[in-house]
Protein backbone atom coordinates (compact mmCIF):
# COMPACT_ATOMS: atom_id res chain seq x y z
CA MET A 1 78.97 -110.77 120.83
CA THR A 2 79.87 -107.10 120.30
CA VAL A 3 77.38 -104.38 119.64
CA ALA A 4 78.44 -103.92 116.04
CA ASP A 5 77.84 -107.67 115.73
CA ALA A 6 74.21 -107.38 117.18
CA ARG A 7 73.57 -104.45 114.97
CA SER A 8 74.62 -106.25 111.94
CA ALA A 9 72.71 -109.48 112.86
CA ALA A 10 69.54 -107.21 113.44
CA ASP A 11 70.10 -105.82 110.10
CA VAL A 12 70.09 -109.05 108.26
CA SER A 13 67.65 -110.98 110.64
CA PRO A 14 64.15 -110.79 109.45
CA GLY A 15 61.33 -111.14 111.90
CA ALA A 16 63.27 -111.14 114.93
CA GLY A 17 60.11 -110.68 117.22
CA ALA A 18 57.67 -113.42 117.87
CA ASN A 19 54.47 -113.33 116.17
CA PRO A 20 51.31 -115.43 116.33
CA GLY A 21 51.49 -116.93 112.99
CA PHE A 22 55.10 -118.35 113.34
CA SER A 23 53.99 -121.83 114.12
CA ALA A 24 51.67 -122.18 111.30
CA GLY A 25 54.12 -120.43 108.91
CA GLY A 26 57.07 -122.71 109.96
CA ALA A 27 54.82 -125.81 109.28
CA ALA A 28 53.92 -124.31 105.98
CA HIS A 29 57.67 -123.78 105.29
CA ALA A 30 58.59 -127.27 106.38
CA ALA A 31 55.86 -128.75 104.18
CA ALA A 32 56.69 -126.82 101.10
CA TRP A 33 60.45 -127.75 101.72
CA GLY A 34 59.68 -131.37 102.19
CA PHE A 35 57.46 -131.26 98.82
CA VAL A 36 60.35 -129.81 96.97
CA PHE A 37 62.98 -132.29 98.44
CA LEU A 38 60.72 -135.20 97.52
CA ILE A 39 60.11 -134.12 93.83
CA LEU A 40 63.77 -133.34 93.32
CA ARG A 41 64.82 -136.87 94.67
CA ILE A 42 62.24 -138.65 92.70
CA PHE A 43 63.49 -136.80 89.35
CA ALA A 44 67.27 -137.22 90.05
CA VAL A 45 67.21 -140.92 90.78
CA SER A 46 64.96 -141.40 87.53
CA GLY A 47 67.63 -139.68 85.40
CA TYR A 48 65.22 -136.78 85.01
CA ASP A 49 63.03 -138.93 83.03
CA TRP A 50 59.36 -138.31 83.33
CA GLU A 51 57.55 -141.58 82.95
CA THR A 52 60.34 -143.31 85.24
CA ALA A 53 59.77 -140.55 87.68
CA PHE A 54 56.15 -141.20 87.75
CA ALA A 55 56.74 -145.04 88.33
CA VAL A 56 59.18 -144.38 91.17
CA SER A 57 56.69 -141.99 92.80
CA THR A 58 54.06 -144.94 93.15
CA THR A 59 56.73 -146.69 95.47
CA LEU A 60 56.80 -144.13 98.19
CA SER A 61 54.53 -143.73 101.15
CA LEU A 62 53.99 -141.15 103.80
CA GLY A 63 56.33 -143.05 106.26
CA ASP A 64 59.14 -143.07 103.88
CA GLY A 65 60.09 -139.33 104.73
CA LEU A 66 62.82 -139.98 107.26
CA SER A 67 64.47 -142.81 105.39
CA LEU A 68 64.47 -141.01 102.08
CA LEU A 69 66.06 -137.95 103.74
CA PHE A 70 68.91 -139.89 105.51
CA GLY A 71 69.43 -142.30 102.83
CA SER A 72 69.96 -139.52 100.23
CA LEU A 73 72.49 -137.88 102.37
CA MET A 74 74.24 -141.20 102.81
CA ALA A 75 74.13 -142.10 99.06
CA GLY A 76 75.64 -138.86 98.11
CA HIS A 77 78.44 -138.76 100.67
CA LEU A 78 80.87 -137.10 98.24
CA LEU A 79 78.59 -134.09 97.80
CA THR A 80 77.55 -134.12 101.56
CA ALA A 81 81.20 -133.99 102.46
CA ALA A 82 81.80 -130.99 100.20
CA LEU A 83 78.90 -129.18 101.47
CA LEU A 84 79.66 -129.91 105.09
CA VAL A 85 83.22 -128.27 104.83
CA PHE A 86 81.14 -124.82 104.44
CA VAL A 87 77.81 -125.83 106.36
CA LEU A 88 79.20 -127.01 109.61
CA PRO A 89 81.48 -123.93 110.17
CA LEU A 90 78.62 -121.73 109.34
CA LEU A 91 76.35 -123.39 111.84
CA LEU A 92 79.20 -123.06 114.47
CA SER A 93 79.79 -119.51 113.68
CA ALA A 94 75.94 -118.91 113.83
CA TYR A 95 75.89 -120.65 117.38
CA LEU A 96 78.85 -118.54 118.62
CA TRP A 97 78.09 -115.19 117.10
CA GLY A 98 74.55 -115.21 115.61
CA PRO A 99 71.39 -114.39 116.97
CA ARG A 100 70.87 -115.91 120.58
CA GLY A 101 67.13 -116.80 119.81
CA ARG A 102 68.14 -119.48 117.26
CA ARG A 103 70.94 -121.11 119.20
CA PRO A 104 68.89 -124.21 120.34
CA VAL A 105 68.05 -125.14 116.72
CA VAL A 106 71.45 -124.22 115.40
CA LYS A 107 73.00 -126.39 118.18
CA LEU A 108 70.94 -129.42 117.19
CA LEU A 109 71.93 -129.03 113.50
CA SER A 110 75.61 -128.40 114.40
CA THR A 111 75.58 -131.60 116.53
CA ILE A 112 74.14 -133.49 113.68
CA ALA A 113 76.46 -132.07 111.10
CA LEU A 114 79.54 -132.68 113.52
CA VAL A 115 78.46 -136.35 113.84
CA THR A 116 77.99 -136.65 110.16
CA LEU A 117 81.44 -135.17 109.70
CA VAL A 118 83.07 -137.77 111.97
CA ALA A 119 81.14 -140.66 110.42
CA LEU A 120 82.23 -139.56 106.76
CA THR A 121 85.95 -139.13 107.93
CA VAL A 122 86.14 -142.41 109.42
CA SER A 123 83.97 -144.29 107.10
CA PHE A 124 85.75 -143.23 103.66
CA HIS A 125 89.14 -142.07 105.21
CA SER A 126 88.42 -138.67 104.11
CA TRP A 127 91.20 -137.16 106.74
CA TRP A 128 90.97 -133.81 104.69
CA LEU A 129 87.57 -133.01 105.94
CA PRO A 130 88.41 -131.94 109.66
CA PRO A 131 91.41 -129.65 108.62
CA ALA A 132 89.28 -128.05 105.70
CA THR A 133 86.50 -127.49 108.08
CA SER A 134 88.79 -125.78 110.60
CA ALA A 135 90.04 -123.69 107.90
CA VAL A 136 86.61 -122.48 106.95
CA LEU A 137 85.66 -121.68 110.51
CA ALA A 138 88.86 -119.79 111.02
CA ALA A 139 87.99 -117.83 107.92
CA PHE A 140 84.52 -116.88 109.31
CA ALA A 141 86.07 -115.88 112.58
CA MET A 142 88.49 -113.58 110.43
CA MET A 143 85.75 -111.97 108.59
CA ARG A 144 84.01 -111.25 111.92
CA ARG A 145 86.71 -109.04 112.90
CA LEU A 146 86.72 -106.81 109.69
CA SER A 147 85.07 -103.46 109.55
CA VAL A 148 81.29 -103.23 109.70
CA GLN A 149 81.39 -101.54 106.41
CA ARG A 150 83.14 -104.44 104.61
CA ARG A 151 80.92 -106.33 102.46
CA VAL A 152 82.59 -109.58 103.06
CA ARG A 153 81.99 -109.20 106.92
CA HIS A 154 78.31 -108.10 106.20
CA ALA A 155 77.87 -111.28 103.88
CA ALA A 156 79.17 -113.50 106.56
CA MET A 157 76.82 -112.08 109.22
CA GLY A 158 73.94 -112.66 106.76
CA ALA A 159 74.70 -116.10 106.29
CA MET A 160 74.95 -116.54 109.84
CA ALA A 161 71.30 -114.83 110.45
CA ARG A 162 69.94 -117.09 107.68
CA VAL A 163 71.86 -120.36 108.39
CA GLY A 164 68.52 -122.23 108.29
CA TRP A 165 68.17 -121.28 104.70
CA VAL A 166 71.63 -122.14 103.95
CA VAL A 167 71.22 -125.61 105.31
CA GLU A 168 68.22 -126.15 103.45
CA VAL A 169 69.60 -125.09 100.01
CA ALA A 170 72.51 -127.47 100.63
CA VAL A 171 70.20 -130.39 101.19
CA LEU A 172 68.16 -129.60 98.08
CA LEU A 173 71.25 -129.50 96.05
CA ILE A 174 71.93 -133.05 97.26
CA ALA A 175 68.33 -133.84 96.50
CA ALA A 176 68.92 -132.64 92.79
CA LEU A 177 72.29 -133.86 92.01
CA VAL A 178 72.72 -137.25 93.64
CA GLN A 179 71.32 -139.79 91.44
CA THR A 180 71.91 -142.82 93.59
CA PRO A 181 68.76 -143.82 95.18
CA TRP A 182 68.16 -143.88 99.10
CA VAL A 183 68.37 -147.74 99.27
CA PRO A 184 71.31 -150.04 99.04
CA HIS A 185 72.55 -151.46 95.86
CA GLU A 186 71.72 -155.04 95.16
CA ARG A 187 72.49 -157.91 92.88
CA ILE A 188 69.42 -159.76 92.22
CA GLU A 189 69.51 -163.35 90.94
CA THR A 190 66.37 -164.15 88.93
CA THR A 191 65.06 -167.06 86.86
CA HIS A 192 65.67 -164.88 83.76
CA GLY A 193 69.33 -163.81 84.64
CA THR A 194 71.03 -161.19 86.95
CA LEU A 195 69.86 -157.81 87.67
CA THR A 196 71.75 -155.13 89.46
CA GLY A 197 69.91 -152.20 90.89
CA TYR A 198 67.89 -150.63 93.78
CA VAL A 199 64.80 -152.48 95.33
CA LEU A 200 62.58 -149.20 96.06
CA SER A 201 59.69 -151.46 97.70
CA VAL A 202 58.61 -154.91 98.18
CA ASP A 203 54.79 -155.31 97.57
CA SER A 204 52.67 -158.23 98.05
CA GLY A 205 53.92 -160.85 95.21
CA TYR A 206 56.43 -158.46 93.41
CA LEU A 207 59.31 -156.14 93.82
CA ASN A 208 59.67 -152.57 92.36
CA ILE A 209 63.29 -152.22 91.05
CA LEU A 210 65.28 -149.10 89.83
CA THR A 211 68.14 -150.45 87.57
CA ASP A 212 71.65 -149.00 87.45
CA SER A 213 70.52 -147.39 83.85
CA HIS A 214 67.55 -145.65 85.59
CA GLU A 215 64.93 -148.02 84.28
CA PHE A 216 61.94 -149.03 86.39
CA VAL A 217 61.21 -152.77 86.55
CA ILE A 218 58.74 -154.83 88.34
CA LEU A 219 59.68 -158.38 89.20
CA ILE A 220 57.35 -161.21 90.39
CA SER A 221 58.57 -162.36 93.78
CA GLY A 222 58.42 -166.11 92.31
CA GLU A 223 61.20 -165.01 89.87
CA VAL A 224 63.72 -164.02 92.39
CA LEU A 225 66.19 -166.57 93.42
CA SER A 226 68.57 -164.48 95.65
CA ARG A 227 69.24 -160.94 96.63
CA THR A 228 72.71 -159.74 97.72
């Protein structure tokens, strides 16, 4: 990392020094981000219908956070792949040339993003993902070599310094745009016919289902013949 890079990173990196309120502020930020993510997911899978969103919200519990996050990323694999082409190179660039104090977190996020990239490439035969990601990483490397006065370089260094915000915005985009729920799609045979949709929760005596047309349906367990 050159002196110019360090100066540029310092200009765009807010709050580089430690402060006593960091832990409390970080926890508050994570809680606020989680709340926004949850609200966006509920409205997205409900087709942005208020009453359906209210019904869907009643199926969630405090322990559903992790499955909701990863289920949402998997459900929106096309959008996840498109965002990953930009996010993974940015994470790698931030690790290589960004502020050193954030490297442990950036390394963890980079590892998760890389594993996700491999899984998407193999699972959906998206062989274009690795070359596209490498091309974007090469573009970041080229922008880093530009003059400090160049706006493109300043924007790239700013993105590296704020890589956490970029990742958060990317995940929130997935939350808002992916209308597929975080659980597998099922074909449910009932005594009244066949229903296709997503079983959001199974409570004592009944199932809460979101249909393919974003309708919230409650089925009595005794009416269900099979689920495939």
